[in-house]
N, C-alpha and C. Protein backbone atom coordinates (compact mmCIF):
# COMPACT_ATOMS: atom_id res chain seq x y z
N MET A 1 -2.80 3.45 -17.65
CA MET A 1 -2.05 2.34 -17.17
C MET A 1 -0.53 2.44 -17.75
N PRO A 2 0.37 2.00 -16.83
CA PRO A 2 1.78 2.28 -17.29
C PRO A 2 2.03 1.36 -18.49
N SER A 3 2.90 1.85 -19.42
CA SER A 3 3.34 1.25 -20.56
C SER A 3 4.19 -0.10 -20.33
N ASP A 4 4.25 -1.03 -21.23
CA ASP A 4 5.24 -2.14 -20.99
C ASP A 4 6.59 -1.67 -21.10
N ASP A 5 7.39 -2.40 -20.23
CA ASP A 5 8.86 -2.07 -20.39
C ASP A 5 9.45 -3.45 -20.21
N SER A 6 10.76 -3.37 -19.81
CA SER A 6 11.61 -4.71 -19.75
C SER A 6 11.01 -5.51 -18.65
N THR A 7 10.47 -5.05 -17.82
CA THR A 7 9.80 -5.89 -16.60
C THR A 7 8.40 -6.31 -16.79
N ARG A 8 7.74 -5.29 -17.24
CA ARG A 8 6.26 -5.50 -17.41
C ARG A 8 5.92 -5.95 -18.81
N GLY A 9 5.14 -6.98 -19.05
CA GLY A 9 4.57 -7.37 -20.27
C GLY A 9 5.61 -8.36 -21.28
N ALA A 10 6.81 -8.37 -20.66
CA ALA A 10 7.75 -9.18 -21.43
C ALA A 10 8.00 -10.59 -20.70
N ALA A 11 8.35 -11.47 -21.22
CA ALA A 11 8.67 -12.83 -20.78
C ALA A 11 9.94 -12.69 -19.86
N LEU A 12 9.79 -13.14 -18.71
CA LEU A 12 11.03 -13.02 -17.76
C LEU A 12 11.43 -14.45 -17.27
N ARG A 13 12.55 -14.86 -17.42
CA ARG A 13 13.08 -16.19 -17.01
C ARG A 13 13.57 -16.13 -15.73
N LEU A 14 13.07 -16.95 -14.78
CA LEU A 14 13.45 -17.05 -13.42
C LEU A 14 14.63 -18.00 -13.16
N ARG A 15 15.10 -17.93 -12.02
CA ARG A 15 16.23 -18.84 -11.68
C ARG A 15 16.02 -20.44 -11.88
N ASN A 16 14.73 -20.86 -11.87
CA ASN A 16 14.54 -22.26 -12.14
C ASN A 16 14.13 -22.41 -13.55
N ALA A 17 14.39 -21.48 -14.44
CA ALA A 17 14.27 -21.52 -15.90
C ALA A 17 12.58 -21.32 -16.23
N ALA A 18 11.76 -21.24 -15.33
CA ALA A 18 10.33 -20.94 -15.69
C ALA A 18 10.18 -19.43 -16.14
N VAL A 19 9.26 -19.33 -16.93
CA VAL A 19 8.94 -17.94 -17.59
C VAL A 19 7.69 -17.41 -17.03
N VAL A 20 7.79 -16.22 -16.62
CA VAL A 20 6.60 -15.47 -16.16
C VAL A 20 6.46 -14.22 -16.94
N THR A 21 5.19 -13.65 -17.07
CA THR A 21 5.04 -12.33 -17.50
C THR A 21 4.24 -11.60 -16.44
N ILE A 22 4.91 -10.39 -16.21
CA ILE A 22 4.28 -9.36 -15.19
C ILE A 22 3.52 -8.39 -15.92
N ARG A 23 2.15 -8.32 -15.46
CA ARG A 23 1.18 -7.43 -16.29
C ARG A 23 0.28 -6.99 -15.26
N PRO A 24 -0.49 -5.90 -15.65
CA PRO A 24 -1.49 -5.37 -14.69
C PRO A 24 -2.58 -6.45 -14.40
N ILE A 25 -3.10 -6.32 -13.31
CA ILE A 25 -4.17 -7.31 -12.90
C ILE A 25 -5.52 -6.74 -13.76
N ARG A 26 -6.28 -7.80 -13.97
CA ARG A 26 -7.44 -7.49 -14.72
C ARG A 26 -8.67 -8.10 -14.02
N ALA A 27 -9.85 -7.53 -14.23
CA ALA A 27 -11.14 -7.94 -13.60
C ALA A 27 -11.39 -9.35 -13.83
N ASP A 28 -11.03 -10.04 -15.05
CA ASP A 28 -11.23 -11.52 -15.27
C ASP A 28 -10.21 -12.25 -14.68
N ASP A 29 -9.28 -11.77 -13.84
CA ASP A 29 -8.31 -12.61 -13.08
C ASP A 29 -8.92 -13.24 -11.91
N GLU A 30 -9.99 -13.02 -11.50
CA GLU A 30 -10.54 -13.34 -10.24
C GLU A 30 -10.70 -14.86 -10.03
N PRO A 31 -10.82 -15.66 -10.97
CA PRO A 31 -10.64 -17.19 -10.76
C PRO A 31 -9.21 -17.57 -10.67
N LEU A 32 -8.25 -16.88 -11.25
CA LEU A 32 -6.95 -17.27 -11.03
C LEU A 32 -6.40 -16.72 -9.71
N MET A 33 -6.98 -15.73 -9.17
CA MET A 33 -6.70 -15.31 -7.83
C MET A 33 -7.11 -16.16 -6.64
N VAL A 34 -8.22 -16.82 -6.98
CA VAL A 34 -8.57 -18.06 -5.96
C VAL A 34 -7.53 -19.03 -5.88
N ALA A 35 -7.03 -19.55 -7.12
CA ALA A 35 -5.94 -20.43 -7.11
C ALA A 35 -4.63 -20.03 -6.57
N PHE A 36 -4.34 -18.70 -6.75
CA PHE A 36 -3.20 -18.03 -6.32
C PHE A 36 -3.33 -18.15 -4.83
N HIS A 37 -4.22 -17.67 -4.14
CA HIS A 37 -4.40 -17.76 -2.71
C HIS A 37 -4.37 -19.02 -2.10
N ALA A 38 -4.76 -20.13 -2.86
CA ALA A 38 -4.64 -21.53 -2.38
C ALA A 38 -3.06 -21.85 -2.21
N GLY A 39 -2.30 -21.16 -3.01
CA GLY A 39 -0.97 -21.66 -3.02
C GLY A 39 -0.02 -20.91 -2.04
N VAL A 40 -0.67 -20.07 -1.13
CA VAL A 40 -0.02 -19.21 -0.20
C VAL A 40 -0.13 -19.84 1.25
N SER A 41 1.01 -20.04 1.87
CA SER A 41 0.92 -20.67 3.09
C SER A 41 0.41 -19.77 4.21
N PRO A 42 -0.02 -20.25 5.36
CA PRO A 42 -0.46 -19.36 6.56
C PRO A 42 0.68 -18.37 6.95
N ARG A 43 1.88 -18.81 6.95
CA ARG A 43 3.04 -18.02 7.19
C ARG A 43 3.21 -16.82 6.24
N SER A 44 3.10 -17.14 5.03
CA SER A 44 3.18 -16.05 3.99
C SER A 44 2.00 -15.05 4.13
N VAL A 45 0.94 -15.54 4.46
CA VAL A 45 -0.29 -14.69 4.66
C VAL A 45 0.04 -13.76 5.86
N TYR A 46 0.42 -14.43 6.92
CA TYR A 46 0.79 -13.47 8.01
C TYR A 46 1.99 -12.55 7.92
N GLN A 47 2.97 -12.87 7.10
CA GLN A 47 4.07 -11.89 6.76
C GLN A 47 3.50 -10.89 5.92
N ARG A 48 2.53 -11.05 5.08
CA ARG A 48 2.07 -10.02 4.14
C ARG A 48 1.03 -9.14 4.94
N TYR A 49 0.19 -9.72 5.68
CA TYR A 49 -1.02 -8.94 6.30
C TYR A 49 -0.92 -8.69 7.69
N PHE A 50 0.13 -9.33 8.29
CA PHE A 50 0.30 -9.08 9.74
C PHE A 50 -0.73 -9.75 10.63
N HIS A 51 -1.54 -10.55 10.02
CA HIS A 51 -2.57 -11.25 10.78
C HIS A 51 -2.91 -12.52 9.83
N LEU A 52 -3.35 -13.48 10.63
CA LEU A 52 -3.93 -14.78 9.80
C LEU A 52 -5.19 -14.50 9.20
N SER A 53 -5.63 -14.90 8.01
CA SER A 53 -6.95 -14.93 7.51
C SER A 53 -7.01 -16.30 6.68
N THR A 54 -8.24 -16.81 6.73
CA THR A 54 -8.46 -18.25 6.19
C THR A 54 -8.49 -18.03 4.58
N LEU A 55 -8.19 -19.14 3.85
CA LEU A 55 -8.40 -19.04 2.47
C LEU A 55 -9.87 -18.63 2.15
N GLU A 56 -10.73 -19.13 2.78
CA GLU A 56 -12.29 -18.75 2.58
C GLU A 56 -12.48 -17.13 2.59
N GLN A 57 -11.73 -16.55 3.74
CA GLN A 57 -11.74 -15.17 3.92
C GLN A 57 -11.07 -14.34 2.73
N ARG A 58 -9.95 -14.93 2.21
CA ARG A 58 -9.28 -14.20 1.24
C ARG A 58 -9.85 -14.38 -0.22
N VAL A 59 -10.71 -15.26 -0.38
CA VAL A 59 -11.26 -15.57 -1.82
C VAL A 59 -12.63 -15.27 -1.82
N THR A 60 -13.34 -14.39 -1.06
CA THR A 60 -14.70 -13.92 -1.36
C THR A 60 -14.77 -13.14 -2.52
N HIS A 61 -15.86 -13.30 -3.15
CA HIS A 61 -16.11 -12.46 -4.37
C HIS A 61 -15.87 -11.06 -4.12
N THR A 62 -16.38 -10.59 -3.04
CA THR A 62 -16.29 -9.17 -2.80
C THR A 62 -14.87 -8.63 -2.53
N ARG A 63 -14.00 -9.43 -1.97
CA ARG A 63 -12.62 -9.09 -1.80
C ARG A 63 -11.76 -9.22 -3.05
N LEU A 64 -12.07 -10.37 -3.73
CA LEU A 64 -11.46 -10.53 -5.03
C LEU A 64 -11.76 -9.40 -6.15
N ALA A 65 -12.99 -9.02 -6.02
CA ALA A 65 -13.55 -7.98 -7.07
C ALA A 65 -12.84 -6.68 -6.82
N LEU A 66 -12.67 -6.35 -5.54
CA LEU A 66 -11.77 -5.18 -5.21
C LEU A 66 -10.30 -5.39 -5.62
N THR A 67 -9.82 -6.46 -5.41
CA THR A 67 -8.41 -6.81 -5.78
C THR A 67 -8.17 -6.66 -7.29
N CYS A 68 -8.97 -7.19 -8.01
CA CYS A 68 -8.90 -7.24 -9.51
C CYS A 68 -9.27 -6.03 -10.28
N ARG A 69 -9.63 -5.09 -9.62
CA ARG A 69 -10.07 -3.77 -10.23
C ARG A 69 -9.27 -2.57 -9.50
N VAL A 70 -8.46 -1.91 -10.24
CA VAL A 70 -7.63 -0.86 -9.70
C VAL A 70 -7.79 0.36 -10.54
N ASP A 71 -8.05 1.40 -9.96
CA ASP A 71 -8.10 2.71 -10.41
C ASP A 71 -6.62 3.44 -10.46
N PRO A 72 -6.09 3.82 -11.49
CA PRO A 72 -4.68 4.49 -11.54
C PRO A 72 -4.60 5.58 -10.51
N ALA A 73 -5.82 6.25 -10.38
CA ALA A 73 -5.84 7.48 -9.41
C ALA A 73 -5.54 6.96 -8.00
N VAL A 74 -5.77 5.59 -7.61
CA VAL A 74 -5.60 5.03 -6.43
C VAL A 74 -4.32 4.27 -6.25
N GLY A 75 -3.91 3.75 -7.36
CA GLY A 75 -2.65 2.84 -7.36
C GLY A 75 -2.55 1.84 -8.59
N LEU A 76 -1.87 0.77 -8.35
CA LEU A 76 -1.49 -0.08 -9.39
C LEU A 76 -1.44 -1.47 -8.84
N ALA A 77 -1.88 -2.56 -9.51
CA ALA A 77 -1.81 -3.94 -9.14
C ALA A 77 -1.13 -4.66 -10.22
N LEU A 78 -0.11 -5.35 -9.94
CA LEU A 78 0.56 -6.22 -10.99
C LEU A 78 0.36 -7.71 -10.62
N VAL A 79 0.28 -8.61 -11.59
CA VAL A 79 0.46 -9.98 -11.30
C VAL A 79 1.60 -10.56 -12.16
N ALA A 80 2.12 -11.66 -11.69
CA ALA A 80 3.09 -12.34 -12.37
C ALA A 80 2.28 -13.65 -12.92
N GLU A 81 2.29 -13.87 -14.15
CA GLU A 81 1.51 -15.10 -14.80
C GLU A 81 2.47 -16.03 -15.32
N HIS A 82 2.07 -17.32 -15.07
CA HIS A 82 2.95 -18.35 -15.59
C HIS A 82 2.00 -19.30 -16.42
N THR A 83 2.44 -19.80 -17.57
CA THR A 83 1.72 -20.69 -18.61
C THR A 83 2.49 -21.91 -18.52
N THR A 84 2.06 -23.05 -18.26
CA THR A 84 2.71 -24.34 -18.21
C THR A 84 2.82 -24.94 -19.65
N ALA A 85 3.49 -25.86 -19.86
CA ALA A 85 3.69 -26.52 -21.12
C ALA A 85 2.33 -27.08 -21.79
N ASP A 86 1.48 -27.38 -20.90
CA ASP A 86 0.04 -27.89 -21.19
C ASP A 86 -0.98 -26.76 -21.36
N GLY A 87 -0.51 -25.53 -21.33
CA GLY A 87 -1.38 -24.42 -21.51
C GLY A 87 -2.07 -23.78 -20.35
N GLU A 88 -1.94 -24.46 -19.27
CA GLU A 88 -2.65 -23.96 -17.96
C GLU A 88 -1.87 -22.61 -17.40
N THR A 89 -2.76 -21.61 -17.18
CA THR A 89 -2.28 -20.31 -16.78
C THR A 89 -2.46 -20.18 -15.21
N ALA A 90 -1.41 -19.61 -14.57
CA ALA A 90 -1.54 -19.30 -13.08
C ALA A 90 -0.99 -18.06 -12.76
N VAL A 91 -1.67 -17.43 -11.63
CA VAL A 91 -0.97 -16.14 -11.11
C VAL A 91 -0.07 -16.72 -9.99
N VAL A 92 1.30 -16.34 -10.13
CA VAL A 92 2.15 -16.72 -9.12
C VAL A 92 2.59 -15.71 -8.06
N ALA A 93 2.22 -14.51 -8.27
CA ALA A 93 2.59 -13.31 -7.59
C ALA A 93 1.84 -12.20 -7.74
N LEU A 94 1.50 -11.45 -6.57
CA LEU A 94 0.64 -10.18 -6.74
C LEU A 94 1.49 -8.97 -6.05
N GLY A 95 1.59 -7.98 -6.68
CA GLY A 95 2.19 -6.76 -6.25
C GLY A 95 1.41 -5.55 -6.25
N ARG A 96 1.29 -4.77 -5.25
CA ARG A 96 0.38 -3.59 -5.24
C ARG A 96 1.18 -2.39 -4.85
N MET A 97 0.64 -1.28 -5.39
CA MET A 97 1.15 0.02 -4.93
C MET A 97 -0.12 0.86 -4.85
N THR A 98 -0.34 1.31 -3.62
CA THR A 98 -1.55 2.25 -3.12
C THR A 98 -1.10 3.58 -2.84
N ARG A 99 -1.61 4.63 -3.45
CA ARG A 99 -1.37 5.98 -2.97
C ARG A 99 -1.79 6.17 -1.59
N THR A 100 -0.95 6.99 -0.99
CA THR A 100 -1.13 7.36 0.49
C THR A 100 -1.00 8.90 0.70
N ASP A 101 -1.16 9.33 1.97
CA ASP A 101 -0.84 10.63 2.41
C ASP A 101 0.66 10.69 2.90
N PRO A 102 1.40 11.69 2.58
CA PRO A 102 1.00 12.95 1.88
C PRO A 102 0.99 12.59 0.29
N PRO A 103 0.42 13.59 -0.55
CA PRO A 103 0.32 13.39 -1.95
C PRO A 103 1.81 13.07 -2.50
N GLY A 104 1.93 12.26 -3.55
CA GLY A 104 3.09 11.85 -4.05
C GLY A 104 3.76 10.57 -3.47
N SER A 105 3.18 10.07 -2.31
CA SER A 105 3.60 8.79 -1.71
C SER A 105 2.71 7.71 -2.00
N ALA A 106 3.23 6.49 -1.88
CA ALA A 106 2.43 5.35 -2.07
C ALA A 106 3.04 4.25 -1.18
N GLU A 107 2.26 3.21 -0.93
CA GLU A 107 2.75 1.99 -0.19
C GLU A 107 2.86 0.95 -1.12
N VAL A 108 3.83 -0.02 -1.01
CA VAL A 108 3.99 -1.14 -1.85
C VAL A 108 3.84 -2.43 -0.97
N ALA A 109 3.40 -3.44 -1.71
CA ALA A 109 3.32 -4.75 -0.87
C ALA A 109 3.37 -5.94 -1.88
N LEU A 110 3.79 -7.00 -1.50
CA LEU A 110 3.99 -8.23 -2.43
C LEU A 110 3.54 -9.54 -1.78
N LEU A 111 3.12 -10.32 -2.61
CA LEU A 111 2.82 -11.61 -2.08
C LEU A 111 3.09 -12.66 -3.24
N VAL A 112 3.77 -13.65 -2.90
CA VAL A 112 4.36 -14.78 -3.81
C VAL A 112 3.90 -16.08 -3.40
N VAL A 113 3.36 -16.90 -4.28
CA VAL A 113 2.99 -18.21 -4.02
C VAL A 113 4.27 -18.96 -3.65
N ASP A 114 4.16 -19.72 -2.39
CA ASP A 114 5.25 -20.23 -1.71
C ASP A 114 6.23 -21.01 -2.54
N ARG A 115 5.71 -21.84 -3.44
CA ARG A 115 6.77 -22.55 -4.34
C ARG A 115 7.37 -21.82 -5.33
N TRP A 116 7.14 -20.58 -5.38
CA TRP A 116 7.85 -19.65 -6.44
C TRP A 116 8.89 -18.68 -5.64
N HIS A 117 8.99 -18.94 -4.26
CA HIS A 117 9.91 -18.13 -3.48
C HIS A 117 11.35 -18.50 -3.82
N GLY A 118 12.19 -17.48 -3.69
CA GLY A 118 13.72 -17.75 -4.04
C GLY A 118 14.04 -17.90 -5.35
N LEU A 119 13.16 -17.39 -6.22
CA LEU A 119 13.52 -17.45 -7.82
C LEU A 119 13.84 -16.01 -8.40
N GLY A 120 13.72 -15.03 -7.62
CA GLY A 120 13.99 -13.67 -8.11
C GLY A 120 12.64 -13.01 -8.54
N LEU A 121 11.55 -13.82 -8.31
CA LEU A 121 10.25 -13.12 -8.75
C LEU A 121 9.81 -11.88 -7.96
N GLY A 122 10.07 -11.99 -6.58
CA GLY A 122 9.77 -10.82 -5.81
C GLY A 122 10.59 -9.58 -6.18
N THR A 123 11.74 -9.77 -6.47
CA THR A 123 12.68 -8.61 -6.94
C THR A 123 12.11 -8.03 -8.12
N ALA A 124 11.84 -8.91 -9.28
CA ALA A 124 11.13 -8.54 -10.48
C ALA A 124 9.99 -7.74 -10.20
N MET A 125 9.12 -8.26 -9.38
CA MET A 125 7.86 -7.56 -9.06
C MET A 125 7.95 -6.31 -8.54
N MET A 126 8.96 -6.07 -7.52
CA MET A 126 9.25 -4.84 -6.97
C MET A 126 9.82 -3.76 -7.98
N ARG A 127 10.67 -4.16 -8.64
CA ARG A 127 11.19 -3.55 -9.87
C ARG A 127 10.07 -2.88 -10.80
N ALA A 128 9.06 -3.73 -11.09
CA ALA A 128 7.91 -3.32 -11.80
C ALA A 128 7.03 -2.34 -11.11
N LEU A 129 6.94 -2.51 -9.95
CA LEU A 129 6.07 -1.60 -8.99
C LEU A 129 6.81 -0.21 -8.95
N VAL A 130 8.09 -0.23 -8.80
CA VAL A 130 8.84 1.08 -8.75
C VAL A 130 8.68 1.76 -10.19
N ASP A 131 8.81 0.92 -11.30
CA ASP A 131 8.69 1.52 -12.55
C ASP A 131 7.27 2.21 -12.87
N GLY A 132 6.15 1.34 -12.24
CA GLY A 132 4.90 1.82 -12.34
C GLY A 132 4.70 3.13 -11.54
N ALA A 133 5.17 3.16 -10.37
CA ALA A 133 5.11 4.32 -9.52
C ALA A 133 5.65 5.56 -10.15
N ARG A 134 6.76 5.31 -10.77
CA ARG A 134 7.51 6.45 -11.42
C ARG A 134 6.54 7.02 -12.59
N GLU A 135 6.06 6.04 -13.49
CA GLU A 135 5.12 6.41 -14.50
C GLU A 135 3.80 7.07 -14.13
N LEU A 136 3.43 6.80 -12.94
CA LEU A 136 2.20 7.40 -12.31
C LEU A 136 2.49 8.53 -11.59
N GLY A 137 3.61 9.08 -11.49
CA GLY A 137 4.11 10.30 -10.88
C GLY A 137 4.19 10.29 -9.34
N VAL A 138 4.35 9.00 -8.84
CA VAL A 138 4.56 8.92 -7.31
C VAL A 138 6.01 9.23 -7.15
N GLN A 139 6.26 9.92 -6.11
CA GLN A 139 7.69 10.37 -5.73
C GLN A 139 8.42 9.56 -4.62
N ARG A 140 7.57 9.01 -3.72
CA ARG A 140 8.18 8.34 -2.50
C ARG A 140 7.41 6.98 -2.40
N LEU A 141 7.97 5.95 -2.18
CA LEU A 141 7.39 4.57 -1.77
C LEU A 141 7.85 4.12 -0.47
N HIS A 142 6.95 3.41 0.10
CA HIS A 142 7.22 2.93 1.44
C HIS A 142 6.44 1.63 1.66
N GLY A 143 6.89 0.82 2.60
CA GLY A 143 6.06 -0.38 2.92
C GLY A 143 6.65 -0.98 4.17
N GLU A 144 5.89 -1.65 4.99
CA GLU A 144 6.09 -2.11 6.22
C GLU A 144 6.17 -3.74 6.09
N MET A 145 7.08 -4.31 6.82
CA MET A 145 7.28 -5.72 6.83
C MET A 145 7.63 -6.09 8.28
N LEU A 146 7.39 -7.39 8.57
CA LEU A 146 7.83 -8.04 9.86
C LEU A 146 9.31 -8.15 9.79
N ALA A 147 9.81 -7.82 10.90
CA ALA A 147 11.31 -7.72 11.07
C ALA A 147 11.93 -9.13 10.77
N ASP A 148 11.20 -10.31 10.87
CA ASP A 148 11.75 -11.61 10.72
C ASP A 148 11.54 -11.99 9.32
N ASN A 149 11.01 -11.08 8.32
CA ASN A 149 10.88 -11.44 7.01
C ASN A 149 12.01 -11.31 6.18
N ASP A 150 13.04 -12.19 6.36
CA ASP A 150 14.32 -11.98 5.59
C ASP A 150 14.06 -11.87 4.15
N ALA A 151 13.21 -12.54 3.55
CA ALA A 151 13.11 -12.41 2.05
C ALA A 151 12.73 -11.11 1.62
N MET A 152 11.63 -10.57 2.28
CA MET A 152 11.24 -9.16 1.92
C MET A 152 12.30 -8.04 2.19
N ARG A 153 13.02 -8.21 3.27
CA ARG A 153 14.16 -7.35 3.49
C ARG A 153 15.18 -7.29 2.37
N ALA A 154 15.48 -8.54 1.80
CA ALA A 154 16.33 -8.67 0.70
C ALA A 154 15.85 -8.01 -0.53
N VAL A 155 14.57 -8.12 -0.76
CA VAL A 155 13.87 -7.59 -1.94
C VAL A 155 13.90 -6.22 -1.92
N VAL A 156 13.47 -5.53 -0.84
CA VAL A 156 13.52 -4.05 -0.90
C VAL A 156 14.95 -3.46 -0.86
N ARG A 157 15.88 -4.04 -0.02
CA ARG A 157 17.18 -3.49 -0.19
C ARG A 157 17.69 -3.59 -1.65
N HIS A 158 17.38 -4.73 -2.34
CA HIS A 158 17.87 -4.87 -3.77
C HIS A 158 17.25 -3.71 -4.73
N ALA A 159 16.05 -3.47 -4.32
CA ALA A 159 15.31 -2.21 -5.00
C ALA A 159 15.70 -0.87 -4.56
N GLY A 160 16.62 -0.78 -3.70
CA GLY A 160 17.04 0.66 -3.27
C GLY A 160 16.33 1.25 -2.22
N PHE A 161 15.68 0.48 -1.43
CA PHE A 161 14.94 1.10 -0.21
C PHE A 161 15.79 1.06 0.88
N VAL A 162 15.66 1.90 1.89
CA VAL A 162 16.31 2.07 3.12
C VAL A 162 15.38 1.54 4.15
N ILE A 163 15.84 0.60 5.02
CA ILE A 163 15.14 0.02 5.98
C ILE A 163 15.27 0.59 7.38
N ARG A 164 14.17 1.02 8.09
CA ARG A 164 14.31 1.58 9.38
C ARG A 164 13.39 0.76 10.43
N ALA A 165 13.70 0.89 11.64
CA ALA A 165 12.89 0.35 12.70
C ALA A 165 11.71 1.34 12.76
N VAL A 166 10.49 0.71 13.04
CA VAL A 166 9.30 1.55 13.38
C VAL A 166 9.16 1.77 14.77
N PRO A 167 9.39 3.02 15.26
CA PRO A 167 9.41 3.49 16.65
C PRO A 167 8.18 2.83 17.43
N GLY A 168 8.42 2.17 18.43
CA GLY A 168 7.70 1.54 19.40
C GLY A 168 7.05 0.18 18.99
N ASP A 169 7.54 -0.25 17.78
CA ASP A 169 7.09 -1.68 17.32
C ASP A 169 8.36 -2.48 16.87
N ALA A 170 9.04 -3.12 17.76
CA ALA A 170 10.17 -4.00 17.51
C ALA A 170 9.86 -4.93 16.54
N ALA A 171 8.60 -5.44 16.20
CA ALA A 171 8.35 -6.52 15.33
C ALA A 171 8.25 -6.09 13.82
N VAL A 172 8.19 -4.67 13.65
CA VAL A 172 7.95 -4.09 12.29
C VAL A 172 9.11 -3.20 11.83
N LEU A 173 9.41 -3.41 10.49
CA LEU A 173 10.27 -2.52 10.03
C LEU A 173 9.61 -1.81 8.79
N ARG A 174 10.17 -0.55 8.49
CA ARG A 174 9.58 0.32 7.31
C ARG A 174 10.79 0.56 6.37
N ALA A 175 10.38 0.29 5.03
CA ALA A 175 11.23 0.53 4.00
C ALA A 175 10.78 1.74 3.22
N GLU A 176 11.70 2.65 2.75
CA GLU A 176 11.27 3.87 2.05
C GLU A 176 12.45 4.08 0.97
N ARG A 177 11.95 4.71 -0.18
CA ARG A 177 12.78 5.14 -1.22
C ARG A 177 12.20 6.16 -1.91
N ALA A 178 13.01 6.96 -2.49
CA ALA A 178 12.53 8.06 -3.44
C ALA A 178 12.49 7.28 -4.85
N VAL A 179 11.38 7.66 -5.61
CA VAL A 179 11.29 7.00 -6.93
C VAL A 179 12.10 7.55 -7.87
N GLY A 180 12.22 8.95 -8.03
CA GLY A 180 13.23 9.59 -8.87
C GLY A 180 13.18 9.15 -10.33
């Protein structure tokens, strides 16, 4: 598992002054992930997965058990966790890096609870995924997004990705960067 650095494991203050901690996902996060998915709008689901799925489909035990267990040989999954003043903990963002072919490459993806959009959380999560990819020996990252997903385009640009059109699919863009 990647070591903690300035992005992962440390308290991070967002634009709204809320504090989150970015950390690797754990098997015992499954209940938190149910609440996480309840906070994601159908539009955000569509922008992340390129199709709609119901809350009930996204929170099945089988699906969440896979989400909450990651083998470093396959990739990395990080969550941003927020604890309220009354001690309630919530997952407010999920970032994944999954190894792909050719060797040394991996795909990245993010999903942020809607009420946490626009606070710098996506940028921090992407930075943590890039750092984690570097620590795991990944040399190139890529991700696809819908062309109208302005927020994700801004996040990947800020993280040093180059965005290109996907040949034959005007609705989808591909972001790529060397990890270095």
